[in-house]
N, C-alpha and C. Protein backbone atom coordinates (compact mmCIF):
# COMPACT_ATOMS: atom_id res chain seq x y z
N MET A 1 -9.27 -13.01 -14.47
CA MET A 1 -9.85 -12.97 -13.15
C MET A 1 -10.14 -14.39 -12.67
N TRP A 2 -10.62 -15.26 -13.54
CA TRP A 2 -10.93 -16.62 -13.13
C TRP A 2 -9.69 -17.34 -12.63
N LEU A 3 -8.52 -17.02 -13.21
CA LEU A 3 -7.28 -17.67 -12.79
C LEU A 3 -6.92 -17.26 -11.36
N ILE A 4 -7.04 -15.99 -11.06
CA ILE A 4 -6.76 -15.53 -9.69
C ILE A 4 -7.73 -16.21 -8.73
N ASP A 5 -9.00 -16.24 -9.09
CA ASP A 5 -10.00 -16.89 -8.25
C ASP A 5 -9.65 -18.36 -8.03
N PHE A 6 -9.24 -19.05 -9.09
CA PHE A 6 -8.86 -20.46 -8.98
C PHE A 6 -7.67 -20.63 -8.04
N VAL A 7 -6.65 -19.81 -8.24
CA VAL A 7 -5.45 -19.91 -7.40
C VAL A 7 -5.81 -19.64 -5.95
N LEU A 8 -6.61 -18.59 -5.72
CA LEU A 8 -6.97 -18.24 -4.35
C LEU A 8 -7.78 -19.34 -3.67
N ARG A 9 -8.58 -20.06 -4.43
CA ARG A 9 -9.47 -21.05 -3.84
C ARG A 9 -8.87 -22.46 -3.74
N TYR A 10 -8.00 -22.83 -4.66
CA TYR A 10 -7.65 -24.24 -4.75
C TYR A 10 -6.18 -24.60 -4.54
N THR A 11 -5.28 -23.67 -4.59
CA THR A 11 -3.89 -24.06 -4.42
C THR A 11 -3.40 -23.92 -2.99
N MET A 12 -3.93 -23.02 -2.26
CA MET A 12 -3.59 -22.84 -0.85
C MET A 12 -4.64 -21.93 -0.24
N GLU A 13 -4.56 -21.74 1.02
CA GLU A 13 -5.52 -20.85 1.66
C GLU A 13 -5.38 -19.45 1.11
N ALA A 14 -6.50 -18.86 0.75
CA ALA A 14 -6.50 -17.51 0.17
C ALA A 14 -5.88 -16.50 1.13
N LEU A 15 -6.17 -16.64 2.40
CA LEU A 15 -5.65 -15.70 3.38
C LEU A 15 -4.13 -15.74 3.43
N THR A 16 -3.54 -16.89 3.23
CA THR A 16 -2.09 -17.02 3.19
C THR A 16 -1.52 -16.21 2.03
N ILE A 17 -2.18 -16.25 0.89
CA ILE A 17 -1.72 -15.49 -0.27
C ILE A 17 -1.84 -13.99 0.00
N ILE A 18 -2.97 -13.57 0.53
CA ILE A 18 -3.16 -12.15 0.82
C ILE A 18 -2.14 -11.66 1.85
N LYS A 19 -1.90 -12.45 2.88
CA LYS A 19 -0.89 -12.06 3.87
C LYS A 19 0.50 -11.97 3.25
N SER A 20 0.79 -12.85 2.31
CA SER A 20 2.12 -12.78 1.67
C SER A 20 2.22 -11.53 0.80
N LEU A 21 1.13 -11.11 0.16
CA LEU A 21 1.16 -9.87 -0.61
C LEU A 21 1.33 -8.66 0.29
N LEU A 22 0.67 -8.68 1.44
CA LEU A 22 0.85 -7.58 2.40
C LEU A 22 2.27 -7.54 2.96
N ALA A 23 2.86 -8.72 3.19
CA ALA A 23 4.25 -8.77 3.66
C ALA A 23 5.19 -8.23 2.59
N TYR A 24 4.91 -8.55 1.34
CA TYR A 24 5.68 -8.00 0.22
C TYR A 24 5.60 -6.47 0.23
N ASN A 25 4.39 -5.94 0.36
CA ASN A 25 4.23 -4.49 0.42
C ASN A 25 5.03 -3.89 1.57
N ALA A 26 4.90 -4.47 2.74
CA ALA A 26 5.60 -3.93 3.92
C ALA A 26 7.11 -3.97 3.72
N ASP A 27 7.61 -5.05 3.16
CA ASP A 27 9.05 -5.19 2.89
C ASP A 27 9.53 -4.09 1.94
N PHE A 28 8.85 -3.93 0.82
CA PHE A 28 9.31 -2.97 -0.17
C PHE A 28 9.01 -1.53 0.24
N ASP A 29 7.99 -1.33 1.05
CA ASP A 29 7.76 0.01 1.60
C ASP A 29 8.95 0.44 2.46
N GLN A 30 9.46 -0.48 3.27
CA GLN A 30 10.60 -0.13 4.12
C GLN A 30 11.84 0.19 3.27
N ARG A 31 11.98 -0.49 2.14
CA ARG A 31 13.07 -0.16 1.22
C ARG A 31 12.89 1.25 0.66
N ILE A 32 11.65 1.60 0.37
CA ILE A 32 11.37 2.97 -0.10
C ILE A 32 11.79 3.97 0.96
N TRP A 33 11.41 3.72 2.21
CA TRP A 33 11.75 4.65 3.28
C TRP A 33 13.26 4.76 3.46
N GLN A 34 13.98 3.66 3.27
CA GLN A 34 15.44 3.71 3.34
C GLN A 34 16.01 4.62 2.25
N SER A 35 15.45 4.57 1.06
CA SER A 35 15.90 5.44 -0.02
C SER A 35 15.54 6.90 0.25
N ILE A 36 14.43 7.13 0.92
CA ILE A 36 13.99 8.50 1.23
C ILE A 36 14.88 9.14 2.29
N GLU A 37 15.50 8.32 3.16
CA GLU A 37 16.31 8.86 4.26
C GLU A 37 17.37 9.84 3.81
N GLY A 38 17.84 9.73 2.56
CA GLY A 38 18.88 10.64 2.08
C GLY A 38 18.36 11.98 1.61
N LEU A 39 17.07 12.20 1.70
CA LEU A 39 16.48 13.45 1.23
C LEU A 39 16.18 14.39 2.39
N SER A 40 16.11 15.67 2.06
CA SER A 40 15.66 16.65 3.05
C SER A 40 14.13 16.70 3.02
N ASP A 41 13.55 17.29 4.05
CA ASP A 41 12.10 17.47 4.06
C ASP A 41 11.65 18.32 2.88
N GLU A 42 12.49 19.29 2.49
CA GLU A 42 12.14 20.15 1.37
C GLU A 42 12.07 19.35 0.07
N GLN A 43 13.04 18.48 -0.16
CA GLN A 43 13.00 17.63 -1.36
C GLN A 43 11.79 16.69 -1.31
N PHE A 44 11.54 16.13 -0.15
CA PHE A 44 10.45 15.19 0.04
C PHE A 44 9.10 15.84 -0.30
N CYS A 45 8.95 17.11 0.04
CA CYS A 45 7.68 17.82 -0.18
C CYS A 45 7.65 18.61 -1.48
N ALA A 46 8.77 18.68 -2.19
CA ALA A 46 8.84 19.47 -3.42
C ALA A 46 7.93 18.89 -4.50
N ASP A 47 7.29 19.77 -5.24
CA ASP A 47 6.40 19.33 -6.31
C ASP A 47 7.17 18.53 -7.35
N TYR A 48 6.51 17.57 -7.93
CA TYR A 48 7.06 16.75 -9.00
C TYR A 48 5.98 16.67 -10.06
N PRO A 49 6.32 16.90 -11.33
CA PRO A 49 5.29 17.02 -12.37
C PRO A 49 4.73 15.69 -12.87
N TYR A 50 4.28 14.83 -11.96
CA TYR A 50 3.72 13.57 -12.38
C TYR A 50 2.78 13.03 -11.30
N SER A 51 1.71 12.43 -11.71
CA SER A 51 0.77 11.74 -10.86
C SER A 51 0.35 12.61 -9.67
N HIS A 52 0.68 12.24 -8.46
CA HIS A 52 0.26 12.99 -7.27
C HIS A 52 1.24 14.07 -6.88
N GLY A 53 2.30 14.23 -7.64
CA GLY A 53 3.26 15.30 -7.35
C GLY A 53 4.40 14.82 -6.49
N SER A 54 4.58 15.44 -5.36
CA SER A 54 5.74 15.18 -4.49
C SER A 54 5.73 13.75 -3.94
N LEU A 55 6.89 13.36 -3.43
CA LEU A 55 6.97 12.08 -2.72
C LEU A 55 6.00 12.06 -1.55
N ARG A 56 5.94 13.16 -0.83
CA ARG A 56 4.99 13.27 0.29
C ARG A 56 3.58 12.99 -0.19
N ASN A 57 3.18 13.64 -1.27
CA ASN A 57 1.82 13.48 -1.75
C ASN A 57 1.52 12.04 -2.16
N HIS A 58 2.48 11.38 -2.80
CA HIS A 58 2.29 9.98 -3.18
C HIS A 58 2.08 9.11 -1.95
N LEU A 59 2.92 9.28 -0.95
CA LEU A 59 2.86 8.41 0.23
C LEU A 59 1.64 8.71 1.09
N VAL A 60 1.26 9.97 1.20
CA VAL A 60 0.02 10.30 1.92
C VAL A 60 -1.18 9.74 1.15
N HIS A 61 -1.12 9.79 -0.16
CA HIS A 61 -2.20 9.22 -0.98
C HIS A 61 -2.34 7.72 -0.71
N ILE A 62 -1.25 6.99 -0.71
CA ILE A 62 -1.31 5.54 -0.45
C ILE A 62 -1.93 5.29 0.92
N ALA A 63 -1.45 6.00 1.94
CA ALA A 63 -1.98 5.82 3.30
C ALA A 63 -3.47 6.15 3.34
N SER A 64 -3.85 7.20 2.65
CA SER A 64 -5.23 7.65 2.64
C SER A 64 -6.14 6.63 1.97
N VAL A 65 -5.70 6.09 0.86
CA VAL A 65 -6.50 5.09 0.14
C VAL A 65 -6.62 3.81 0.96
N GLU A 66 -5.54 3.41 1.62
CA GLU A 66 -5.60 2.21 2.45
C GLU A 66 -6.57 2.41 3.61
N ARG A 67 -6.54 3.59 4.21
CA ARG A 67 -7.50 3.87 5.28
C ARG A 67 -8.92 3.86 4.75
N ALA A 68 -9.14 4.42 3.58
CA ALA A 68 -10.48 4.47 3.00
C ALA A 68 -11.02 3.07 2.74
N TRP A 69 -10.20 2.20 2.12
CA TRP A 69 -10.65 0.84 1.86
C TRP A 69 -10.87 0.07 3.16
N LEU A 70 -9.96 0.23 4.10
CA LEU A 70 -10.08 -0.49 5.36
C LEU A 70 -11.33 -0.05 6.12
N THR A 71 -11.56 1.24 6.18
CA THR A 71 -12.76 1.75 6.85
C THR A 71 -14.01 1.24 6.15
N ALA A 72 -13.98 1.19 4.82
CA ALA A 72 -15.12 0.68 4.07
C ALA A 72 -15.38 -0.79 4.42
N LEU A 73 -14.32 -1.57 4.54
CA LEU A 73 -14.48 -2.98 4.91
C LEU A 73 -15.03 -3.14 6.32
N GLN A 74 -14.64 -2.24 7.21
CA GLN A 74 -15.05 -2.35 8.60
C GLN A 74 -16.43 -1.76 8.87
N THR A 75 -16.76 -0.67 8.18
CA THR A 75 -18.00 0.05 8.52
C THR A 75 -18.92 0.29 7.32
N GLY A 76 -18.42 0.10 6.12
CA GLY A 76 -19.19 0.43 4.93
C GLY A 76 -19.08 1.89 4.53
N GLU A 77 -18.40 2.70 5.33
CA GLU A 77 -18.23 4.13 5.06
C GLU A 77 -16.87 4.38 4.41
N ARG A 78 -16.75 5.51 3.72
CA ARG A 78 -15.47 5.91 3.13
C ARG A 78 -15.09 7.28 3.71
N PRO A 79 -14.03 7.37 4.51
CA PRO A 79 -13.65 8.65 5.10
C PRO A 79 -13.02 9.60 4.07
N LYS A 80 -13.00 10.85 4.43
CA LYS A 80 -12.35 11.87 3.62
C LYS A 80 -10.85 11.56 3.54
N HIS A 81 -10.23 11.86 2.42
CA HIS A 81 -8.79 11.62 2.27
C HIS A 81 -7.98 12.57 3.14
N PHE A 82 -6.80 12.09 3.55
CA PHE A 82 -5.87 12.94 4.27
C PHE A 82 -5.42 14.08 3.36
N ASP A 83 -5.14 15.23 3.95
CA ASP A 83 -4.60 16.37 3.21
C ASP A 83 -3.08 16.34 3.33
N PRO A 84 -2.37 16.11 2.23
CA PRO A 84 -0.91 16.04 2.30
C PRO A 84 -0.26 17.31 2.87
N MET A 85 -0.92 18.44 2.69
CA MET A 85 -0.35 19.70 3.16
C MET A 85 -0.24 19.74 4.69
N GLU A 86 -0.97 18.88 5.38
CA GLU A 86 -0.89 18.83 6.84
C GLU A 86 0.35 18.08 7.33
N TYR A 87 1.09 17.49 6.41
CA TYR A 87 2.28 16.71 6.75
C TYR A 87 3.48 17.36 6.07
N THR A 88 4.37 17.91 6.89
CA THR A 88 5.46 18.71 6.33
C THR A 88 6.83 18.06 6.47
N THR A 89 6.89 16.90 7.12
CA THR A 89 8.19 16.25 7.30
C THR A 89 8.12 14.78 6.90
N ILE A 90 9.27 14.24 6.61
CA ILE A 90 9.38 12.82 6.29
C ILE A 90 8.89 11.98 7.47
N VAL A 91 9.27 12.36 8.68
CA VAL A 91 8.90 11.60 9.88
C VAL A 91 7.38 11.56 10.05
N GLN A 92 6.71 12.69 9.85
CA GLN A 92 5.25 12.72 9.99
C GLN A 92 4.58 11.77 8.99
N VAL A 93 5.04 11.80 7.75
CA VAL A 93 4.43 10.96 6.72
C VAL A 93 4.76 9.50 6.97
N ARG A 94 5.99 9.22 7.35
CA ARG A 94 6.36 7.82 7.64
C ARG A 94 5.52 7.27 8.78
N ASP A 95 5.30 8.06 9.82
CA ASP A 95 4.47 7.60 10.94
C ASP A 95 3.03 7.34 10.50
N LEU A 96 2.46 8.25 9.72
CA LEU A 96 1.11 8.06 9.21
C LEU A 96 1.04 6.82 8.32
N PHE A 97 1.98 6.71 7.41
CA PHE A 97 2.02 5.60 6.46
C PHE A 97 2.13 4.26 7.19
N ASN A 98 3.08 4.18 8.12
CA ASN A 98 3.27 2.92 8.85
C ASN A 98 2.07 2.58 9.73
N GLU A 99 1.40 3.60 10.27
CA GLU A 99 0.19 3.34 11.06
C GLU A 99 -0.90 2.73 10.18
N MET A 100 -1.12 3.32 9.01
CA MET A 100 -2.16 2.79 8.12
C MET A 100 -1.81 1.39 7.64
N ARG A 101 -0.56 1.17 7.26
CA ARG A 101 -0.15 -0.16 6.82
C ARG A 101 -0.32 -1.17 7.95
N GLY A 102 0.06 -0.78 9.17
CA GLY A 102 -0.12 -1.66 10.33
C GLY A 102 -1.58 -1.98 10.58
N ASN A 103 -2.46 -0.99 10.37
CA ASN A 103 -3.89 -1.22 10.55
C ASN A 103 -4.42 -2.26 9.57
N VAL A 104 -3.96 -2.19 8.33
CA VAL A 104 -4.39 -3.17 7.32
C VAL A 104 -3.90 -4.56 7.71
N ILE A 105 -2.65 -4.65 8.10
CA ILE A 105 -2.09 -5.95 8.47
C ILE A 105 -2.83 -6.52 9.69
N SER A 106 -3.10 -5.69 10.68
CA SER A 106 -3.84 -6.14 11.87
C SER A 106 -5.23 -6.62 11.51
N TYR A 107 -5.87 -5.89 10.60
CA TYR A 107 -7.21 -6.28 10.16
C TYR A 107 -7.18 -7.65 9.50
N VAL A 108 -6.24 -7.86 8.60
CA VAL A 108 -6.15 -9.14 7.88
C VAL A 108 -5.78 -10.27 8.84
N ASP A 109 -4.96 -9.97 9.83
CA ASP A 109 -4.55 -11.00 10.79
C ASP A 109 -5.74 -11.58 11.56
N GLN A 110 -6.82 -10.83 11.70
CA GLN A 110 -7.98 -11.34 12.44
C GLN A 110 -9.03 -11.99 11.54
N LEU A 111 -8.79 -11.98 10.23
CA LEU A 111 -9.76 -12.59 9.30
C LEU A 111 -9.61 -14.11 9.23
N ARG A 112 -10.68 -14.73 8.76
CA ARG A 112 -10.67 -16.17 8.43
C ARG A 112 -10.96 -16.30 6.94
N ASP A 113 -10.48 -17.38 6.34
CA ASP A 113 -10.67 -17.57 4.90
C ASP A 113 -12.12 -17.42 4.46
N GLU A 114 -13.04 -17.94 5.24
CA GLU A 114 -14.44 -17.91 4.82
C GLU A 114 -15.02 -16.49 4.78
N GLN A 115 -14.34 -15.53 5.38
CA GLN A 115 -14.80 -14.14 5.34
C GLN A 115 -14.38 -13.41 4.07
N LEU A 116 -13.48 -13.99 3.30
CA LEU A 116 -12.91 -13.29 2.15
C LEU A 116 -13.92 -13.06 1.02
N ASP A 117 -14.94 -13.84 0.94
CA ASP A 117 -15.95 -13.67 -0.11
C ASP A 117 -17.05 -12.68 0.27
N ASP A 118 -17.05 -12.22 1.53
CA ASP A 118 -18.06 -11.26 1.97
C ASP A 118 -18.00 -9.99 1.13
N ALA A 119 -19.17 -9.42 0.88
CA ALA A 119 -19.26 -8.14 0.18
C ALA A 119 -20.33 -7.30 0.87
N TRP A 120 -20.30 -6.00 0.64
CA TRP A 120 -21.27 -5.07 1.21
C TRP A 120 -22.03 -4.43 0.07
N PRO A 121 -23.28 -4.03 0.31
CA PRO A 121 -24.10 -3.44 -0.76
C PRO A 121 -23.46 -2.21 -1.41
N ASN A 122 -22.81 -1.38 -0.62
CA ASN A 122 -22.22 -0.16 -1.18
C ASN A 122 -20.78 -0.37 -1.67
N ILE A 123 -20.27 -1.59 -1.55
CA ILE A 123 -18.96 -1.95 -2.11
C ILE A 123 -19.18 -3.23 -2.93
N PRO A 124 -19.34 -3.11 -4.23
CA PRO A 124 -19.67 -4.30 -5.03
C PRO A 124 -18.45 -5.19 -5.31
N LEU A 125 -17.69 -5.44 -4.28
CA LEU A 125 -16.50 -6.27 -4.37
C LEU A 125 -16.45 -7.20 -3.17
N ALA A 126 -15.87 -8.36 -3.37
CA ALA A 126 -15.61 -9.24 -2.23
C ALA A 126 -14.45 -8.66 -1.43
N ARG A 127 -14.39 -9.04 -0.17
CA ARG A 127 -13.33 -8.56 0.70
C ARG A 127 -11.95 -8.84 0.10
N TRP A 128 -11.79 -10.05 -0.49
CA TRP A 128 -10.47 -10.37 -1.05
C TRP A 128 -10.13 -9.47 -2.23
N HIS A 129 -11.14 -9.01 -2.99
CA HIS A 129 -10.87 -8.07 -4.09
C HIS A 129 -10.27 -6.78 -3.54
N VAL A 130 -10.86 -6.28 -2.47
CA VAL A 130 -10.40 -5.03 -1.87
C VAL A 130 -8.97 -5.18 -1.34
N LEU A 131 -8.70 -6.30 -0.69
CA LEU A 131 -7.35 -6.50 -0.14
C LEU A 131 -6.30 -6.63 -1.25
N ILE A 132 -6.66 -7.26 -2.35
CA ILE A 132 -5.75 -7.34 -3.49
C ILE A 132 -5.57 -5.93 -4.09
N GLN A 133 -6.65 -5.15 -4.15
CA GLN A 133 -6.56 -3.78 -4.66
C GLN A 133 -5.60 -2.95 -3.82
N ILE A 134 -5.67 -3.10 -2.51
CA ILE A 134 -4.77 -2.35 -1.63
C ILE A 134 -3.32 -2.66 -1.98
N THR A 135 -3.00 -3.92 -2.17
CA THR A 135 -1.60 -4.27 -2.47
C THR A 135 -1.20 -3.81 -3.87
N ASN A 136 -2.09 -3.98 -4.83
CA ASN A 136 -1.77 -3.58 -6.20
C ASN A 136 -1.60 -2.06 -6.30
N HIS A 137 -2.47 -1.32 -5.65
CA HIS A 137 -2.41 0.14 -5.66
C HIS A 137 -1.07 0.62 -5.10
N ALA A 138 -0.64 0.03 -4.00
CA ALA A 138 0.65 0.42 -3.41
C ALA A 138 1.81 0.11 -4.35
N THR A 139 1.75 -1.03 -5.03
CA THR A 139 2.81 -1.39 -5.97
C THR A 139 2.89 -0.38 -7.11
N ASP A 140 1.75 0.01 -7.63
CA ASP A 140 1.70 1.00 -8.70
C ASP A 140 2.37 2.30 -8.27
N HIS A 141 2.00 2.79 -7.10
CA HIS A 141 2.57 4.06 -6.64
C HIS A 141 4.03 3.92 -6.23
N ARG A 142 4.43 2.75 -5.74
CA ARG A 142 5.87 2.56 -5.45
C ARG A 142 6.69 2.73 -6.71
N ALA A 143 6.19 2.25 -7.84
CA ALA A 143 6.90 2.41 -9.10
C ALA A 143 7.08 3.90 -9.42
N GLN A 144 6.04 4.68 -9.20
CA GLN A 144 6.14 6.12 -9.43
C GLN A 144 7.12 6.76 -8.45
N ILE A 145 7.07 6.33 -7.21
CA ILE A 145 7.98 6.86 -6.18
C ILE A 145 9.42 6.51 -6.53
N LEU A 146 9.66 5.31 -7.00
CA LEU A 146 11.02 4.91 -7.37
C LEU A 146 11.56 5.80 -8.48
N ARG A 147 10.72 6.18 -9.42
CA ARG A 147 11.18 7.08 -10.49
C ARG A 147 11.58 8.44 -9.91
N ILE A 148 10.78 8.96 -9.01
CA ILE A 148 11.10 10.25 -8.39
C ILE A 148 12.40 10.13 -7.61
N LEU A 149 12.55 9.07 -6.84
CA LEU A 149 13.79 8.86 -6.08
C LEU A 149 14.99 8.76 -7.01
N HIS A 150 14.83 8.09 -8.12
CA HIS A 150 15.91 7.99 -9.11
C HIS A 150 16.31 9.39 -9.60
N ASP A 151 15.31 10.21 -9.89
CA ASP A 151 15.59 11.56 -10.37
C ASP A 151 16.29 12.41 -9.32
N TYR A 152 16.10 12.08 -8.04
CA TYR A 152 16.81 12.77 -6.96
C TYR A 152 18.18 12.15 -6.69
N GLY A 153 18.54 11.12 -7.45
CA GLY A 153 19.84 10.48 -7.28
C GLY A 153 19.89 9.50 -6.12
N GLN A 154 18.73 9.10 -5.62
CA GLN A 154 18.69 8.16 -4.51
C GLN A 154 18.74 6.72 -5.03
N LYS A 155 19.14 5.82 -4.15
CA LYS A 155 19.21 4.40 -4.49
C LYS A 155 17.80 3.87 -4.73
N THR A 156 17.65 3.15 -5.83
CA THR A 156 16.37 2.50 -6.12
C THR A 156 16.61 1.01 -6.31
N PHE A 157 15.57 0.28 -6.62
CA PHE A 157 15.65 -1.18 -6.66
C PHE A 157 14.51 -1.72 -7.51
N ASP A 158 14.66 -2.96 -7.96
CA ASP A 158 13.56 -3.66 -8.61
C ASP A 158 12.58 -4.07 -7.52
N GLN A 159 11.30 -4.00 -7.81
CA GLN A 159 10.32 -4.39 -6.81
C GLN A 159 9.56 -5.64 -7.22
N ASP A 160 10.18 -6.49 -8.01
CA ASP A 160 9.55 -7.77 -8.38
C ASP A 160 9.26 -8.56 -7.11
N ILE A 161 8.10 -9.16 -7.07
CA ILE A 161 7.68 -9.90 -5.87
C ILE A 161 8.60 -11.08 -5.58
N VAL A 162 9.22 -11.65 -6.60
CA VAL A 162 10.13 -12.77 -6.35
C VAL A 162 11.34 -12.33 -5.54
N GLU A 163 11.72 -11.06 -5.65
CA GLU A 163 12.82 -10.55 -4.81
C GLU A 163 12.44 -10.67 -3.33
N HIS A 164 11.18 -10.40 -3.03
CA HIS A 164 10.70 -10.54 -1.66
C HIS A 164 10.70 -12.01 -1.25
N PHE A 165 10.16 -12.87 -2.12
CA PHE A 165 10.11 -14.30 -1.80
C PHE A 165 11.49 -14.90 -1.63
N TRP A 166 12.46 -14.40 -2.40
CA TRP A 166 13.84 -14.89 -2.29
C TRP A 166 14.58 -14.28 -1.10
N GLY A 167 13.96 -13.29 -0.47
CA GLY A 167 14.58 -12.69 0.71
C GLY A 167 15.67 -11.69 0.40
N ARG A 168 15.63 -11.08 -0.76
CA ARG A 168 16.66 -10.09 -1.13
C ARG A 168 16.28 -8.70 -0.73
């Protein structure tokens, strides 16, 4: 943890690093959606015996968690999670997902570096911890999603962050 703190504080502006992690997420999320395009809504919503189940459930979960963290940062409150059963098509989930991701990016775009250390009494984390959690959480679930896509015979890819930095 001290190494991350050191890097965030002394090698470049912390906000630049966080924005680059969010850009990485957005880039690889779009690759996920490209792989999903070959599936039917039925395949997308079909149960899968791992983690959150279907692809739909995984993606609604990511969007829901991002909204929860973002709302907590903005208001100190944590909203109820989205119900995946309310989303029956790829288009509905993609719209929800992209809206939540856009909200996080918009929120970070208005921040200043000095705000990153702020914390709230009911969230015992600094703002930068939460933003790193959002990106890490999405990466974890993308790995699970890639496995499901592979099992459906869809195109998958490595999601190493250097692939994003190299522009691949």
